C-alpha atoms as a PDB file:
ATOM      1  CA  MET A   1     142.343  47.966   3.834  1.00  0.00           C
ATOM      2  CA  LYS A   2     139.237  50.172   3.800  1.00  0.00           C
ATOM      3  CA  LEU A   3     137.056  47.070   3.411  1.00  0.00           C
ATOM      4  CA  HIS A   4     138.744  45.513   6.421  1.00  0.00           C
ATOM      5  CA  GLN A   5     138.204  48.694   8.462  1.00  0.00           C
ATOM      6  CA  LEU A   6     134.558  48.782   7.387  1.00  0.00           C
ATOM      7  CA  LYS A   7     134.020  45.158   8.469  1.00  0.00           C
ATOM      8  CA  THR A   8     135.713  45.881  11.783  1.00  0.00           C
ATOM      9  CA  SER A   9     133.541  48.951  12.350  1.00  0.00           C
ATOM     10  CA  LEU A  10     130.375  47.011  11.492  1.00  0.00           C
ATOM     11  CA  GLY A  11     131.463  44.264  13.865  1.00  0.00           C
ATOM     12  CA  LEU A  12     131.945  46.749  16.657  1.00  0.00           C
ATOM     13  CA  VAL A  13     128.542  48.306  15.975  1.00  0.00           C
ATOM     14  CA  LEU A  14     126.838  44.895  16.028  1.00  0.00           C
ATOM     15  CA  ALA A  15     128.680  43.898  19.189  1.00  0.00           C
ATOM     16  CA  THR A  16     127.657  47.147  20.869  1.00  0.00           C
ATOM     17  CA  LEU A  17     124.063  46.650  19.740  1.00  0.00           C
ATOM     18  CA  CYS A  18     124.003  43.093  21.096  1.00  0.00           C
ATOM     19  CA  LEU A  19     125.413  44.261  24.423  1.00  0.00           C
ATOM     20  CA  SER A  20     122.817  47.028  24.568  1.00  0.00           C
ATOM     21  CA  LEU A  21     120.001  44.594  23.871  1.00  0.00           C
ATOM     22  CA  PHE A  22     121.369  42.207  26.494  1.00  0.00           C
ATOM     23  CA  SER A  23     121.581  45.060  28.978  1.00  0.00           C
ATOM     24  CA  LEU A  24     117.985  46.061  28.252  1.00  0.00           C
ATOM     25  CA  GLN A  25     116.873  42.465  28.753  1.00  0.00           C
ATOM     26  CA  VAL A  26     118.667  42.206  32.085  1.00  0.00           C
ATOM     27  CA  ASN A  27     117.257  45.534  33.230  1.00  0.00           C
ATOM     28  CA  ALA A  28     113.756  44.516  32.119  1.00  0.00           C
ATOM     29  CA  GLN A  29     114.045  41.400  34.257  1.00  0.00           C
ATOM     30  CA  ALA A  30     115.317  43.372  37.226  1.00  0.00           C
ATOM     31  CA  VAL A  31     111.718  44.278  38.057  1.00  0.00           C
ATOM     32  CA  LEU A  32     108.991  41.709  38.711  1.00  0.00           C
ATOM     33  CA  ARG A  33     105.578  43.241  38.086  1.00  0.00           C
ATOM     34  CA  VAL A  34     102.899  41.507  40.146  1.00  0.00           C
ATOM     35  CA  SER A  35      99.137  41.925  40.203  1.00  0.00           C
ATOM     36  CA  ALA A  36      96.085  40.184  41.640  1.00  0.00           C
ATOM     37  CA  ILE A  37      92.383  39.854  41.037  1.00  0.00           C
ATOM     38  CA  PRO A  38      90.612  42.413  43.256  1.00  0.00           C
ATOM     39  CA  ASP A  39      88.633  39.854  45.252  1.00  0.00           C
ATOM     40  CA  GLU A  40      88.941  41.903  48.442  1.00  0.00           C
ATOM     41  CA  SER A  41      89.167  45.602  49.243  1.00  0.00           C
ATOM     42  CA  PRO A  42      92.193  47.492  47.832  1.00  0.00           C
ATOM     43  CA  THR A  43      93.565  48.196  51.302  1.00  0.00           C
ATOM     44  CA  GLU A  44      93.357  44.528  52.254  1.00  0.00           C
ATOM     45  CA  LEU A  45      95.110  43.438  49.067  1.00  0.00           C
ATOM     46  CA  GLN A  46      97.936  45.888  49.729  1.00  0.00           C
ATOM     47  CA  ARG A  47      98.232  44.670  53.326  1.00  0.00           C
ATOM     48  CA  LYS A  48      98.403  41.040  52.199  1.00  0.00           C
ATOM     49  CA  PHE A  49     100.926  41.476  49.427  1.00  0.00           C
ATOM     50  CA  LEU A  50     103.401  43.914  50.994  1.00  0.00           C
ATOM     51  CA  PRO A  51     105.313  41.282  53.035  1.00  0.00           C
ATOM     52  CA  LEU A  52     105.048  38.759  50.194  1.00  0.00           C
ATOM     53  CA  GLY A  53     106.558  41.283  47.771  1.00  0.00           C
ATOM     54  CA  GLU A  54     109.412  41.981  50.172  1.00  0.00           C
ATOM     55  CA  TYR A  55     110.066  38.253  50.516  1.00  0.00           C
ATOM     56  CA  LEU A  56     110.015  37.615  46.761  1.00  0.00           C
ATOM     57  CA  SER A  57     112.355  40.557  46.205  1.00  0.00           C
ATOM     58  CA  LYS A  58     114.842  39.129  48.697  1.00  0.00           C
ATOM     59  CA  GLU A  59     114.660  35.615  47.245  1.00  0.00           C
ATOM     60  CA  THR A  60     114.770  36.513  43.553  1.00  0.00           C
ATOM     61  CA  GLY A  61     117.066  39.540  43.691  1.00  0.00           C
ATOM     62  CA  MET A  62     114.487  41.528  41.732  1.00  0.00           C
ATOM     63  CA  LYS A  63     112.522  44.612  42.641  1.00  0.00           C
ATOM     64  CA  VAL A  64     108.881  43.587  43.081  1.00  0.00           C
ATOM     65  CA  GLU A  65     106.170  46.058  42.096  1.00  0.00           C
ATOM     66  CA  PHE A  66     102.563  45.392  43.025  1.00  0.00           C
ATOM     67  CA  ILE A  67     100.239  46.767  40.352  1.00  0.00           C
ATOM     68  CA  PRO A  68      96.606  47.000  41.505  1.00  0.00           C
ATOM     69  CA  VAL A  69      93.754  46.759  39.006  1.00  0.00           C
ATOM     70  CA  THR A  70      90.124  47.788  39.129  1.00  0.00           C
ATOM     71  CA  ASP A  71      88.514  44.530  38.003  1.00  0.00           C
ATOM     72  CA  TYR A  72      89.171  40.895  37.111  1.00  0.00           C
ATOM     73  CA  ALA A  73      89.221  41.490  33.362  1.00  0.00           C
ATOM     74  CA  ALA A  74      92.042  44.008  33.780  1.00  0.00           C
ATOM     75  CA  VAL A  75      94.305  41.332  35.295  1.00  0.00           C
ATOM     76  CA  VAL A  76      93.684  39.015  32.345  1.00  0.00           C
ATOM     77  CA  GLU A  77      94.441  41.808  29.893  1.00  0.00           C
ATOM     78  CA  ALA A  78      97.580  42.851  31.787  1.00  0.00           C
ATOM     79  CA  LEU A  79      98.968  39.307  31.566  1.00  0.00           C
ATOM     80  CA  ALA A  80      97.994  39.013  27.905  1.00  0.00           C
ATOM     81  CA  THR A  81      99.712  42.281  26.963  1.00  0.00           C
ATOM     82  CA  ASN A  82     102.820  41.658  29.117  1.00  0.00           C
ATOM     83  CA  LYS A  83     102.078  44.595  31.399  1.00  0.00           C
ATOM     84  CA  VAL A  84     102.536  42.321  34.416  1.00  0.00           C
ATOM     85  CA  ASP A  85     104.780  39.288  34.815  1.00  0.00           C
ATOM     86  CA  MET A  86     102.756  37.355  37.342  1.00  0.00           C
ATOM     87  CA  ALA A  87      99.289  37.499  38.848  1.00  0.00           C
ATOM     88  CA  TRP A  88      97.233  35.932  41.612  1.00  0.00           C
ATOM     89  CA  LEU A  89      94.254  34.454  39.798  1.00  0.00           C
ATOM     90  CA  GLY A  90      91.196  32.421  40.595  1.00  0.00           C
ATOM     91  CA  GLY A  91      90.646  29.218  38.650  1.00  0.00           C
ATOM     92  CA  PHE A  92      88.089  30.824  36.331  1.00  0.00           C
ATOM     93  CA  THR A  93      90.252  33.902  35.768  1.00  0.00           C
ATOM     94  CA  TYR A  94      93.105  31.574  34.829  1.00  0.00           C
ATOM     95  CA  ILE A  95      90.875  29.836  32.266  1.00  0.00           C
ATOM     96  CA  GLN A  96      89.943  33.239  30.827  1.00  0.00           C
ATOM     97  CA  ALA A  97      93.633  34.183  30.644  1.00  0.00           C
ATOM     98  CA  LYS A  98      94.477  30.844  29.009  1.00  0.00           C
ATOM     99  CA  ILE A  99      91.828  31.409  26.350  1.00  0.00           C
ATOM    100  CA  ARG A 100      92.824  35.054  25.860  1.00  0.00           C
ATOM    101  CA  THR A 101      96.504  34.133  25.326  1.00  0.00           C
ATOM    102  CA  ASN A 102      95.977  30.864  23.422  1.00  0.00           C
ATOM    103  CA  GLY A 103      97.539  28.958  26.287  1.00  0.00           C
ATOM    104  CA  ALA A 104     100.617  31.175  26.676  1.00  0.00           C
ATOM    105  CA  VAL A 105     100.127  31.921  30.380  1.00  0.00           C
ATOM    106  CA  LYS A 106     101.226  29.274  32.868  1.00  0.00           C
ATOM    107  CA  PRO A 107      99.990  28.529  36.406  1.00  0.00           C
ATOM    108  CA  ILE A 108     102.998  27.620  38.539  1.00  0.00           C
ATOM    109  CA  ILE A 109     102.136  27.727  42.245  1.00  0.00           C
ATOM    110  CA  GLN A 110      99.111  27.340  44.490  1.00  0.00           C
ATOM    111  CA  ARG A 111      98.464  27.078  48.191  1.00  0.00           C
ATOM    112  CA  LEU A 112      97.810  23.588  49.527  1.00  0.00           C
ATOM    113  CA  GLU A 113      94.357  24.898  50.451  1.00  0.00           C
ATOM    114  CA  ASP A 114      93.580  25.617  46.783  1.00  0.00           C
ATOM    115  CA  GLU A 115      93.524  21.903  45.953  1.00  0.00           C
ATOM    116  CA  LYS A 116      90.261  21.565  47.856  1.00  0.00           C
ATOM    117  CA  PHE A 117      88.667  24.981  47.851  1.00  0.00           C
ATOM    118  CA  THR A 118      85.003  25.634  48.611  1.00  0.00           C
ATOM    119  CA  SER A 119      82.360  28.356  48.456  1.00  0.00           C
ATOM    120  CA  LYS A 120      79.917  29.299  51.190  1.00  0.00           C
ATOM    121  CA  PHE A 121      76.285  30.268  50.655  1.00  0.00           C
ATOM    122  CA  ILE A 122      75.187  32.700  53.347  1.00  0.00           C
ATOM    123  CA  ILE A 123      71.806  33.991  54.495  1.00  0.00           C
ATOM    124  CA  PRO A 124      70.657  36.440  57.206  1.00  0.00           C
ATOM    125  CA  GLU A 125      70.768  35.053  60.732  1.00  0.00           C
ATOM    126  CA  GLY A 126      66.972  35.129  60.952  1.00  0.00           C
ATOM    127  CA  SER A 127      66.304  33.468  57.585  1.00  0.00           C
ATOM    128  CA  SER A 128      64.155  30.326  57.555  1.00  0.00           C
ATOM    129  CA  ALA A 129      65.864  28.867  54.452  1.00  0.00           C
ATOM    130  CA  LYS A 130      67.174  25.332  54.988  1.00  0.00           C
ATOM    131  CA  THR A 131      68.373  24.322  51.501  1.00  0.00           C
ATOM    132  CA  LEU A 132      69.457  26.001  48.272  1.00  0.00           C
ATOM    133  CA  VAL A 133      66.009  25.323  46.797  1.00  0.00           C
ATOM    134  CA  ASP A 134      64.509  27.560  49.489  1.00  0.00           C
ATOM    135  CA  LEU A 135      66.316  30.494  47.868  1.00  0.00           C
ATOM    136  CA  LYS A 136      64.014  30.512  44.831  1.00  0.00           C
ATOM    137  CA  GLY A 137      62.284  33.862  44.520  1.00  0.00           C
ATOM    138  CA  LYS A 138      64.890  35.580  46.692  1.00  0.00           C
ATOM    139  CA  THR A 139      67.390  38.322  45.878  1.00  0.00           C
ATOM    140  CA  PHE A 140      70.929  36.987  45.540  1.00  0.00           C
ATOM    141  CA  ALA A 141      74.446  38.463  45.577  1.00  0.00           C
ATOM    142  CA  PHE A 142      77.421  36.982  43.737  1.00  0.00           C
ATOM    143  CA  GLY A 143      80.912  38.507  43.944  1.00  0.00           C
ATOM    144  CA  SER A 144      82.596  39.485  40.680  1.00  0.00           C
ATOM    145  CA  PRO A 145      81.220  38.042  37.418  1.00  0.00           C
ATOM    146  CA  SER A 146      84.670  36.511  36.791  1.00  0.00           C
ATOM    147  CA  SER A 147      85.100  35.092  40.294  1.00  0.00           C
ATOM    148  CA  THR A 148      85.513  31.321  40.569  1.00  0.00           C
ATOM    149  CA  SER A 149      84.397  30.988  44.168  1.00  0.00           C
ATOM    150  CA  GLY A 150      82.073  33.992  44.221  1.00  0.00           C
ATOM    151  CA  HIS A 151      80.189  33.345  40.981  1.00  0.00           C
ATOM    152  CA  LEU A 152      81.126  30.437  38.705  1.00  0.00           C
ATOM    153  CA  MET A 153      81.102  27.568  41.207  1.00  0.00           C
ATOM    154  CA  PRO A 154      78.118  28.880  43.217  1.00  0.00           C
ATOM    155  CA  ARG A 155      76.205  29.229  39.931  1.00  0.00           C
ATOM    156  CA  PHE A 156      77.305  25.718  38.926  1.00  0.00           C
ATOM    157  CA  TYR A 157      76.053  24.187  42.185  1.00  0.00           C
ATOM    158  CA  LEU A 158      72.842  26.185  42.105  1.00  0.00           C
ATOM    159  CA  MET A 159      72.156  24.744  38.663  1.00  0.00           C
ATOM    160  CA  LYS A 160      72.923  21.241  39.966  1.00  0.00           C
ATOM    161  CA  ALA A 161      70.302  21.871  42.660  1.00  0.00           C
ATOM    162  CA  GLY A 162      67.766  22.725  39.963  1.00  0.00           C
ATOM    163  CA  ILE A 163      67.973  26.491  40.301  1.00  0.00           C
ATOM    164  CA  ASN A 164      68.470  28.727  37.272  1.00  0.00           C
ATOM    165  CA  PRO A 165      69.829  31.918  38.848  1.00  0.00           C
ATOM    166  CA  ASP A 166      68.756  34.087  35.910  1.00  0.00           C
ATOM    167  CA  LYS A 167      65.140  32.884  36.138  1.00  0.00           C
ATOM    168  CA  ASP A 168      64.539  31.627  39.661  1.00  0.00           C
ATOM    169  CA  PHE A 169      65.926  34.533  41.685  1.00  0.00           C
ATOM    170  CA  LYS A 170      63.945  37.723  42.116  1.00  0.00           C
ATOM    171  CA  SER A 171      67.091  39.644  41.253  1.00  0.00           C
ATOM    172  CA  ILE A 172      70.856  39.158  41.039  1.00  0.00           C
ATOM    173  CA  ALA A 173      73.521  41.603  42.191  1.00  0.00           C
ATOM    174  CA  PHE A 174      77.295  41.482  41.830  1.00  0.00           C
ATOM    175  CA  SER A 175      78.973  42.914  44.917  1.00  0.00           C
ATOM    176  CA  GLY A 176      82.431  42.954  43.304  1.00  0.00           C
ATOM    177  CA  ALA A 177      84.308  41.251  46.169  1.00  0.00           C
ATOM    178  CA  HIS A 178      83.839  38.504  48.744  1.00  0.00           C
ATOM    179  CA  ASP A 179      83.839  40.764  51.803  1.00  0.00           C
ATOM    180  CA  ALA A 180      81.346  43.036  50.027  1.00  0.00           C
ATOM    181  CA  THR A 181      79.000  40.066  49.517  1.00  0.00           C
ATOM    182  CA  VAL A 182      78.877  39.498  53.275  1.00  0.00           C
ATOM    183  CA  ALA A 183      78.066  43.184  53.728  1.00  0.00           C
ATOM    184  CA  PHE A 184      75.283  42.939  51.122  1.00  0.00           C
ATOM    185  CA  VAL A 185      73.554  40.086  52.934  1.00  0.00           C
ATOM    186  CA  ALA A 186      74.171  41.518  56.405  1.00  0.00           C
ATOM    187  CA  SER A 187      72.645  44.866  55.433  1.00  0.00           C
ATOM    188  CA  GLY A 188      69.610  43.384  53.683  1.00  0.00           C
ATOM    189  CA  LYS A 189      70.670  44.346  50.169  1.00  0.00           C
ATOM    190  CA  ALA A 190      70.367  40.664  49.287  1.00  0.00           C
ATOM    191  CA  ASP A 191      68.508  37.713  50.824  1.00  0.00           C
ATOM    192  CA  ALA A 192      71.460  35.396  50.184  1.00  0.00           C
ATOM    193  CA  GLY A 193      74.919  35.388  48.681  1.00  0.00           C
ATOM    194  CA  ALA A 194      77.988  33.294  47.936  1.00  0.00           C
ATOM    195  CA  LEU A 195      81.652  33.865  48.684  1.00  0.00           C
ATOM    196  CA  ASN A 196      84.843  31.875  49.063  1.00  0.00           C
ATOM    197  CA  ALA A 197      85.452  29.907  52.226  1.00  0.00           C
ATOM    198  CA  SER A 198      88.847  31.486  52.897  1.00  0.00           C
ATOM    199  CA  VAL A 199      87.489  35.031  53.123  1.00  0.00           C
ATOM    200  CA  TRP A 200      84.519  33.828  55.169  1.00  0.00           C
ATOM    201  CA  ASP A 201      86.852  32.122  57.644  1.00  0.00           C
ATOM    202  CA  LYS A 202      89.090  35.185  57.835  1.00  0.00           C
ATOM    203  CA  LEU A 203      86.178  37.538  58.518  1.00  0.00           C
ATOM    204  CA  SER A 204      84.789  35.130  61.100  1.00  0.00           C
ATOM    205  CA  ASP A 205      88.173  34.785  62.837  1.00  0.00           C
ATOM    206  CA  VAL A 206      88.467  38.545  63.337  1.00  0.00           C
ATOM    207  CA  LYS A 207      84.789  38.755  64.334  1.00  0.00           C
ATOM    208  CA  ASN A 208      83.830  41.105  61.530  1.00  0.00           C
ATOM    209  CA  PRO A 209      80.468  42.631  62.578  1.00  0.00           C
ATOM    210  CA  ASN A 210      78.799  41.562  59.339  1.00  0.00           C
ATOM    211  CA  THR A 211      79.499  37.888  60.023  1.00  0.00           C
ATOM    212  CA  GLU A 212      77.474  38.167  63.246  1.00  0.00           C
ATOM    213  CA  LYS A 213      74.391  39.021  61.179  1.00  0.00           C
ATOM    214  CA  VAL A 214      74.565  36.113  58.735  1.00  0.00           C
ATOM    215  CA  LYS A 215      74.984  32.329  58.782  1.00  0.00           C
ATOM    216  CA  VAL A 216      76.175  29.625  56.399  1.00  0.00           C
ATOM    217  CA  LEU A 217      73.418  27.804  54.535  1.00  0.00           C
ATOM    218  CA  TYR A 218      75.504  25.509  52.334  1.00  0.00           C
ATOM    219  CA  THR A 219      79.141  24.678  51.567  1.00  0.00           C
ATOM    220  CA  THR A 220      80.005  23.410  48.090  1.00  0.00           C
ATOM    221  CA  PRO A 221      82.031  20.285  47.316  1.00  0.00           C
ATOM    222  CA  PRO A 222      85.758  21.032  46.855  1.00  0.00           C
ATOM    223  CA  TYR A 223      87.414  22.212  43.635  1.00  0.00           C
ATOM    224  CA  HIS A 224      90.775  23.659  42.509  1.00  0.00           C
ATOM    225  CA  ASP A 225      90.864  27.428  42.678  1.00  0.00           C
ATOM    226  CA  TYR A 226      93.510  30.121  43.223  1.00  0.00           C
ATOM    227  CA  ASN A 227      96.984  30.060  41.700  1.00  0.00           C
ATOM    228  CA  TRP A 228      99.953  32.213  40.785  1.00  0.00           C
ATOM    229  CA  THR A 229     100.183  32.466  36.993  1.00  0.00           C
ATOM    230  CA  VAL A 230     103.065  33.886  34.949  1.00  0.00           C
ATOM    231  CA  ARG A 231     102.761  35.592  31.590  1.00  0.00           C
ATOM    232  CA  GLY A 232     103.740  33.926  28.366  1.00  0.00           C
ATOM    233  CA  GLY A 233     107.404  34.357  27.504  1.00  0.00           C
ATOM    234  CA  LEU A 234     108.637  35.045  31.039  1.00  0.00           C
ATOM    235  CA  ASP A 235     112.240  33.866  31.292  1.00  0.00           C
ATOM    236  CA  ALA A 236     112.409  30.253  32.531  1.00  0.00           C
ATOM    237  CA  ALA A 237     115.145  31.124  35.044  1.00  0.00           C
ATOM    238  CA  VAL A 238     112.970  33.874  36.520  1.00  0.00           C
ATOM    239  CA  THR A 239     109.991  31.526  36.694  1.00  0.00           C
ATOM    240  CA  LYS A 240     112.097  28.959  38.557  1.00  0.00           C
ATOM    241  CA  LYS A 241     113.329  31.591  41.025  1.00  0.00           C
ATOM    242  CA  ILE A 242     109.725  32.537  41.781  1.00  0.00           C
ATOM    243  CA  SER A 243     108.600  28.927  42.178  1.00  0.00           C
ATOM    244  CA  ASP A 244     111.549  28.065  44.398  1.00  0.00           C
ATOM    245  CA  ALA A 245     110.853  31.090  46.596  1.00  0.00           C
ATOM    246  CA  PHE A 246     107.229  30.032  47.176  1.00  0.00           C
ATOM    247  CA  LEU A 247     108.165  26.403  47.811  1.00  0.00           C
ATOM    248  CA  LYS A 248     110.660  27.489  50.491  1.00  0.00           C
ATOM    249  CA  LEU A 249     107.999  29.245  52.562  1.00  0.00           C
ATOM    250  CA  ASN A 250     107.312  27.509  55.859  1.00  0.00           C
ATOM    251  CA  ALA A 251     104.331  28.375  58.030  1.00  0.00           C
ATOM    252  CA  ASN A 252     106.147  26.910  61.054  1.00  0.00           C
ATOM    253  CA  ASP A 253     109.032  29.370  60.665  1.00  0.00           C
ATOM    254  CA  PRO A 254     108.327  32.288  63.050  1.00  0.00           C
ATOM    255  CA  ALA A 255     109.941  34.697  60.561  1.00  0.00           C
ATOM    256  CA  GLN A 256     107.470  33.637  57.857  1.00  0.00           C
ATOM    257  CA  LYS A 257     104.357  33.006  59.950  1.00  0.00           C
ATOM    258  CA  GLU A 258     102.844  36.476  59.488  1.00  0.00           C
ATOM    259  CA  LEU A 259     103.357  36.306  55.725  1.00  0.00           C
ATOM    260  CA  MET A 260     101.735  32.864  55.526  1.00  0.00           C
ATOM    261  CA  ASP A 261      98.881  33.866  57.825  1.00  0.00           C
ATOM    262  CA  LEU A 262      98.109  36.854  55.617  1.00  0.00           C
ATOM    263  CA  GLN A 263      97.985  34.546  52.597  1.00  0.00           C
ATOM    264  CA  ARG A 264      95.967  32.006  54.603  1.00  0.00           C
ATOM    265  CA  ALA A 265      98.414  29.353  53.440  1.00  0.00           C
ATOM    266  CA  SER A 266      99.821  26.335  55.271  1.00  0.00           C
ATOM    267  CA  LYS A 267     102.273  25.695  52.426  1.00  0.00           C
ATOM    268  CA  TYR A 268     102.736  26.232  48.693  1.00  0.00           C
ATOM    269  CA  ILE A 269     102.825  23.459  46.096  1.00  0.00           C
ATOM    270  CA  PRO A 270     103.363  23.332  42.314  1.00  0.00           C
ATOM    271  CA  THR A 271     100.313  23.403  40.076  1.00  0.00           C
ATOM    272  CA  LYS A 272      99.554  22.899  36.380  1.00  0.00           C
ATOM    273  CA  SER A 273      96.986  23.832  33.784  1.00  0.00           C
ATOM    274  CA  SER A 274      95.162  20.491  33.811  1.00  0.00           C
ATOM    275  CA  ASN A 275      94.178  21.051  37.446  1.00  0.00           C
ATOM    276  CA  TYR A 276      91.682  23.615  36.154  1.00  0.00           C
ATOM    277  CA  ASP A 277      90.031  21.475  33.480  1.00  0.00           C
ATOM    278  CA  GLU A 278      86.996  20.937  35.718  1.00  0.00           C
ATOM    279  CA  ILE A 279      86.693  24.699  36.230  1.00  0.00           C
ATOM    280  CA  GLU A 280      86.640  25.144  32.448  1.00  0.00           C
ATOM    281  CA  LYS A 281      83.945  22.470  32.097  1.00  0.00           C
ATOM    282  CA  ALA A 282      81.899  24.143  34.825  1.00  0.00           C
ATOM    283  CA  ALA A 283      82.206  27.510  33.058  1.00  0.00           C
ATOM    284  CA  ILE A 284      81.043  25.988  29.794  1.00  0.00           C
ATOM    285  CA  GLY A 285      78.172  24.204  31.580  1.00  0.00           C
ATOM    286  CA  ALA A 286      77.113  27.433  33.266  1.00  0.00           C
ATOM    287  CA  GLY A 287      77.201  29.276  29.940  1.00  0.00           C
ATOM    288  CA  LEU A 288      79.933  31.676  31.041  1.00  0.00           C
ATOM    289  CA  ILE A 289      82.318  30.658  28.254  1.00  0.00           C
ATOM    290  CA  LYS A 290      81.788  28.820  24.972  1.00  0.00           C
END
């Protein structure tokens, strides 16, 4: 009788423990922690992601928390250590995250525009440079060292043009963000710079004063770039909810137009790791990863 009571008690304890663990799991998934590479100013990132967070919360039934970081490496580390569930990454940052996590992270969604992304090389309005080769001996500004469109791909195309940035430029600076690169060149801190086409177009559309002082020298061929990547181990049902929410967005819907305009997206489409194989090859060719 005592043995039977003991087994019953142990069963109740195990059942309670299982329910507690299940409850913790549900509660843990009640919050979606989102971050992004800091490719623009902190205030601009917050402005862009506030309506998107509200939309994702409504569609997934989860509370969405935006977690800002100070640099690109911090986003990679946050995904690798499960401190965030999803992050807006550039192609190169995704490759770094893939390497850091042994392939555990997974890119799931990108804008249609990210299938054929480009970088812009800019120079002061009064510059006499006509080609990339004319930049030899000049000072040059990249964005972040881990930026796809602000460093990796511009470096890759400079090397294809026969320019070794580390030897052929007078000096190299890293502005930290695309809008900052425009400010560097506009203010004379650099003779030339490179940034992504989306930020350039956005600054030009709003007639940012710095864009009036510079001009585009060269636009790169297209490549895959930005994506939304989820951490390794994120519940498959949660991942599907997120993907479905993005795929439902419609730029022609007046209720969603502002959100889509802020993201500079015409629509969202699924993506996959192999789309970024060329980015990885470019990074190896440029000596940024081994």
